[in-house]
Amino acid sequence: PSSSSPSRRDRVPLVSRLRPRGATFAVLQRAPSRRRSRARARPRARSTRAMSETPTSGAGGEMDAPAAAAPAAPAPPPGAPEPKYKRIDMPTQDDMIMQDFMNNCAVKTVLATVMGGFLGAAMGVFFGAFDPMTPTEGEKQTIVQQLKKAGRSTLSKSYSYAKGFAAFGALYSGSECVFEQTRAKHDIYNSAYAGCFTGGVMARSSGPQGMAMGCATMGALSVCMDKFMELH
C-alpha cells in the first residue's frame, strides 16, 4: 500500500487498541440481542403501569382511599322519631356503694324528713307574712310591739308547717321504700300504697271515715304526681 493511505492498525479506534482481543470477543458474546432486550423491557413497562394504577401509601403508611368511595348511608327524614335506646355506662364500685347507700330506707326517711321540714318552714314564713297585724280591742301597741307579735305568729306557724311536712315526708318516703323492697318491684303501685298509708295516718284524729278519705285522696294524688313527673 501507498504511504498516503492509513494502515489497518490506524483504522481501528483507540479504545480497541487498548482492549485485548479476548476481552473484545467476550464483550461481543455477552451483549444481548435487540429482540431479547425488547422482550425483557415489555414486562417491566407492564409492571410499572400496574404500580402506577395501584393505590399508593400515604405518609402514615396507610393505603390511600380509592377514587370511587362507597356511598354514604341515607340520612333519616326530618320527621322521623329519634331512637329510644341510649348508651349504658357500667357503674364503678364507688357508684354502686353510693347507690346502695341512697337506696337504704333509713337514709331515705331521714332525707325526706329534713327536706320536708325545710319546705314547711319556708311555707310557714311565707304564709305568716300575709297575716294582718290587728291589735286587740282597747289595747294600743307601738309598731315595734306589733312587729314582735307578727314575728312570733310567723314563727309558730312556720314551726307547725315544718312539723307537718317533716312527718308527711318521713311517712311517705319510708313507707314507699318498704313497699318497694317488700314487693321487689319499682312501679306506680308503690306510690299509691305509700300515699294511702300516709293519708290514713295523717288523718287518724278524724276517725275511720276521715282516715278512709285521707287514704283515697293521698293515694290518688300520689298516682297523679307520678304520672305527671314520669317517675315510673
Protein backbone atom coordinates (compact mmCIF):
# COMPACT_ATOMS: atom_id res chain seq x y z
CA PRO A 1 0.00 0.00 0.00
CA SER A 2 0.91 3.60 -0.61
CA SER A 3 2.30 5.75 2.12
CA SER A 4 -0.71 8.16 1.95
CA SER A 5 -3.40 5.53 2.78
CA PRO A 6 -3.74 4.66 6.54
CA SER A 7 -2.79 1.24 7.70
CA ARG A 8 -5.22 -1.31 9.21
CA ARG A 9 -3.93 -0.60 12.65
CA ASP A 10 -4.57 3.11 12.15
CA ARG A 11 -8.20 2.42 11.10
CA VAL A 12 -9.06 0.68 14.43
CA PRO A 13 -10.24 3.14 17.14
CA LEU A 14 -8.03 3.92 20.06
CA VAL A 15 -10.32 2.08 22.52
CA SER A 16 -10.00 -1.13 20.54
CA ARG A 17 -6.27 -0.78 20.57
CA LEU A 18 -6.18 -0.56 24.34
CA ARG A 19 -8.55 -3.53 24.84
CA PRO A 20 -7.16 -7.04 24.41
CA ARG A 21 -8.56 -9.31 21.73
CA GLY A 22 -10.03 -11.85 24.14
CA ALA A 23 -11.92 -9.17 26.07
CA THR A 24 -13.47 -7.80 22.88
CA PHE A 25 -14.71 -11.27 21.94
CA ALA A 26 -16.18 -11.79 25.42
CA VAL A 27 -17.98 -8.47 25.29
CA LEU A 28 -19.46 -9.35 21.92
CA GLN A 29 -20.67 -12.70 23.28
CA ARG A 30 -22.22 -11.17 26.40
CA ALA A 31 -24.00 -8.38 24.59
CA PRO A 32 -27.69 -9.37 24.32
CA SER A 33 -29.54 -9.09 21.10
CA ARG A 34 -32.10 -6.38 20.41
CA ARG A 35 -35.01 -8.85 20.48
CA ARG A 36 -34.10 -10.16 23.91
CA SER A 37 -33.68 -6.66 25.30
CA ARG A 38 -37.10 -5.63 23.93
CA ALA A 39 -38.76 -8.75 25.35
CA ARG A 40 -37.29 -8.02 28.77
CA ALA A 41 -38.32 -4.38 28.63
CA ARG A 42 -42.02 -5.18 27.96
CA PRO A 43 -42.73 -6.88 31.35
CA ARG A 44 -41.01 -4.01 33.10
CA ALA A 45 -43.24 -1.50 31.36
CA ARG A 46 -46.32 -3.53 32.27
CA SER A 47 -45.26 -3.81 35.91
CA THR A 48 -44.56 -0.07 36.02
CA ARG A 49 -48.02 0.65 34.60
CA ALA A 50 -49.64 -1.67 37.17
CA MET A 51 -47.79 0.02 40.00
CA SER A 52 -48.94 3.43 38.82
CA GLU A 53 -52.57 2.22 38.76
CA THR A 54 -52.46 0.66 42.27
CA PRO A 55 -53.19 2.97 45.27
CA THR A 56 -50.03 4.27 46.85
CA SER A 57 -49.43 4.50 50.57
CA GLY A 58 -49.72 7.85 52.30
CA ALA A 59 -47.47 9.49 54.83
CA GLY A 60 -48.95 7.45 57.69
CA GLY A 61 -48.31 4.12 55.97
CA GLU A 62 -51.98 3.58 55.18
CA MET A 63 -53.27 2.92 51.71
CA ASP A 64 -54.99 5.82 50.05
CA ALA A 65 -58.73 5.54 49.61
CA PRO A 66 -59.99 4.55 46.17
CA ALA A 67 -61.23 7.22 43.86
CA ALA A 68 -64.80 5.95 43.93
CA ALA A 69 -65.77 5.97 47.65
CA ALA A 70 -68.65 3.84 48.95
CA PRO A 71 -71.99 5.66 49.06
CA ALA A 72 -72.89 7.12 52.47
CA ALA A 73 -75.89 5.87 54.44
CA PRO A 74 -79.07 7.80 53.66
CA ALA A 75 -79.97 10.43 56.23
CA PRO A 76 -83.25 9.91 58.13
CA PRO A 77 -86.17 12.09 57.11
CA PRO A 78 -86.71 15.24 59.19
CA GLY A 79 -89.94 13.97 60.75
CA ALA A 80 -88.60 10.55 61.77
CA PRO A 81 -88.59 9.81 65.53
CA GLU A 82 -85.25 9.53 67.28
CA PRO A 83 -84.13 6.09 68.53
CA LYS A 84 -85.26 5.36 72.07
CA TYR A 85 -82.19 3.41 73.11
CA LYS A 86 -79.33 5.12 74.91
CA ARG A 87 -75.79 4.18 75.68
CA ILE A 88 -75.38 2.47 79.06
CA ASP A 89 -72.21 3.02 81.05
CA MET A 90 -71.26 0.33 83.52
CA PRO A 91 -71.20 1.69 87.10
CA THR A 92 -68.00 1.65 89.06
CA GLN A 93 -67.61 0.21 92.56
CA ASP A 94 -67.93 3.67 94.14
CA ASP A 95 -71.14 4.29 92.20
CA MET A 96 -72.60 1.00 93.38
CA ILE A 97 -71.73 1.77 97.01
CA MET A 98 -73.32 5.21 96.77
CA GLN A 99 -76.41 3.77 95.10
CA ASP A 100 -76.83 1.15 97.84
CA PHE A 101 -76.42 3.86 100.46
CA MET A 102 -79.06 6.09 98.87
CA ASN A 103 -81.48 3.16 98.45
CA ASN A 104 -81.44 2.45 102.16
CA CYS A 105 -84.85 3.06 103.73
CA ALA A 106 -83.41 4.77 106.81
CA VAL A 107 -81.41 7.20 104.68
CA LYS A 108 -84.44 7.96 102.51
CA THR A 109 -86.59 8.60 105.57
CA VAL A 110 -84.06 10.97 107.15
CA LEU A 111 -83.54 12.92 103.94
CA ALA A 112 -87.28 13.24 103.34
CA THR A 113 -87.81 14.41 106.93
CA VAL A 114 -85.15 17.11 106.66
CA MET A 115 -86.32 18.32 103.26
CA GLY A 116 -89.94 18.32 104.38
CA GLY A 117 -89.04 20.33 107.48
CA PHE A 118 -87.23 22.99 105.46
CA LEU A 119 -90.06 23.20 102.96
CA GLY A 120 -92.68 23.50 105.70
CA ALA A 121 -90.69 26.21 107.49
CA ALA A 122 -90.37 28.23 104.29
CA MET A 123 -94.09 27.93 103.58
CA GLY A 124 -94.91 28.93 107.17
CA VAL A 125 -92.81 32.09 106.86
CA PHE A 126 -94.40 32.89 103.51
CA PHE A 127 -97.99 32.49 104.67
CA GLY A 128 -97.30 34.11 108.04
CA ALA A 129 -96.11 37.29 106.36
CA PHE A 130 -99.61 37.86 104.95
CA ASP A 131 -101.37 37.70 108.32
CA PRO A 132 -102.82 41.10 109.28
CA MET A 133 -101.32 42.79 112.33
CA THR A 134 -104.52 43.78 114.16
CA PRO A 135 -104.13 44.76 117.85
CA THR A 136 -106.66 43.60 120.39
CA GLU A 137 -109.56 45.87 121.35
CA GLY A 138 -108.77 48.53 123.89
CA GLU A 139 -105.02 47.97 123.63
CA LYS A 140 -102.68 50.36 121.98
CA GLN A 141 -99.44 48.92 120.64
CA THR A 142 -96.48 50.56 119.08
CA ILE A 143 -95.02 49.48 115.75
CA VAL A 144 -92.22 47.58 117.46
CA GLN A 145 -94.70 45.63 119.58
CA GLN A 146 -96.80 44.82 116.52
CA LEU A 147 -93.71 43.58 114.65
CA LYS A 148 -92.73 41.38 117.57
CA LYS A 149 -96.22 39.92 117.74
CA ALA A 150 -96.23 39.25 113.98
CA GLY A 151 -92.83 37.61 114.26
CA ARG A 152 -93.98 35.26 116.99
CA SER A 153 -97.08 34.35 114.97
CA THR A 154 -94.94 33.68 111.89
CA LEU A 155 -92.50 31.52 113.86
CA SER A 156 -95.29 29.46 115.38
CA LYS A 157 -96.90 28.94 112.00
CA SER A 158 -93.55 28.06 110.44
CA TYR A 159 -92.89 25.51 113.18
CA SER A 160 -96.34 23.99 112.69
CA TYR A 161 -95.87 23.73 108.92
CA ALA A 162 -92.36 22.32 109.31
CA LYS A 163 -93.54 19.65 111.73
CA GLY A 164 -96.40 18.61 109.47
CA PHE A 165 -94.29 18.47 106.27
CA ALA A 166 -91.49 16.62 108.02
CA ALA A 167 -93.93 13.98 109.30
CA PHE A 168 -95.51 13.69 105.86
CA GLY A 169 -92.13 13.26 104.14
CA ALA A 170 -90.96 10.67 106.64
CA LEU A 171 -94.15 8.61 106.39
CA TYR A 172 -94.39 8.74 102.62
CA SER A 173 -90.73 8.08 101.81
CA GLY A 174 -90.29 5.37 104.42
CA SER A 175 -93.48 3.51 103.51
CA GLU A 176 -92.72 3.70 99.78
CA CYS A 177 -89.26 2.24 100.35
CA VAL A 178 -90.70 -0.58 102.48
CA PHE A 179 -93.38 -1.39 99.90
CA GLU A 180 -90.81 -1.37 97.10
CA GLN A 181 -88.45 -3.71 98.89
CA THR A 182 -91.27 -5.99 100.01
CA ARG A 183 -92.82 -6.28 96.53
CA ALA A 184 -89.40 -6.24 94.78
CA LYS A 185 -90.89 -4.01 92.10
CA HIS A 186 -90.40 -0.39 91.09
CA ASP A 187 -93.75 0.72 89.72
CA ILE A 188 -96.54 3.18 90.34
CA TYR A 189 -98.34 0.92 92.81
CA ASN A 190 -95.70 1.61 95.44
CA SER A 191 -96.55 5.33 95.28
CA ALA A 192 -100.26 4.55 95.52
CA TYR A 193 -99.83 2.34 98.59
CA ALA A 194 -97.47 4.84 100.26
CA GLY A 195 -99.89 7.72 99.61
CA CYS A 196 -102.81 5.77 101.00
CA PHE A 197 -100.84 4.80 104.11
CA THR A 198 -99.61 8.36 104.67
CA GLY A 199 -103.05 9.91 104.19
CA GLY A 200 -104.64 7.46 106.60
CA VAL A 201 -102.03 8.04 109.31
CA MET A 202 -102.12 11.82 108.96
CA ALA A 203 -105.93 11.80 109.32
CA ARG A 204 -106.06 9.38 112.26
CA SER A 205 -107.57 12.02 114.56
CA SER A 206 -110.67 12.31 112.30
CA GLY A 207 -111.85 8.75 112.84
CA PRO A 208 -112.28 5.86 110.40
CA GLN A 209 -114.20 7.92 107.86
CA GLY A 210 -111.55 10.63 107.83
CA MET A 211 -108.78 8.06 107.55
CA ALA A 212 -110.51 6.45 104.55
CA MET A 213 -110.91 9.85 102.87
CA GLY A 214 -107.28 10.70 103.55
CA CYS A 215 -106.12 7.35 102.20
CA ALA A 216 -108.10 7.73 98.96
CA THR A 217 -107.12 11.38 98.49
CA MET A 218 -103.40 10.93 99.08
CA GLY A 219 -103.28 7.73 97.03
CA ALA A 220 -104.88 9.43 94.03
CA LEU A 221 -102.65 12.49 94.45
CA SER A 222 -99.53 10.33 94.55
CA VAL A 223 -100.52 8.49 91.39
CA CYS A 224 -101.24 11.77 89.57
CA MET A 225 -97.90 13.23 90.65
CA ASP A 226 -96.02 10.15 89.45
CA LYS A 227 -97.84 10.24 86.13
CA PHE A 228 -97.08 13.94 85.72
CA MET A 229 -93.40 13.66 86.67
CA GLU A 230 -92.93 10.29 84.87
CA LEU A 231 -91.08 8.72 87.79
CA HIS A 232 -92.10 5.16 86.93
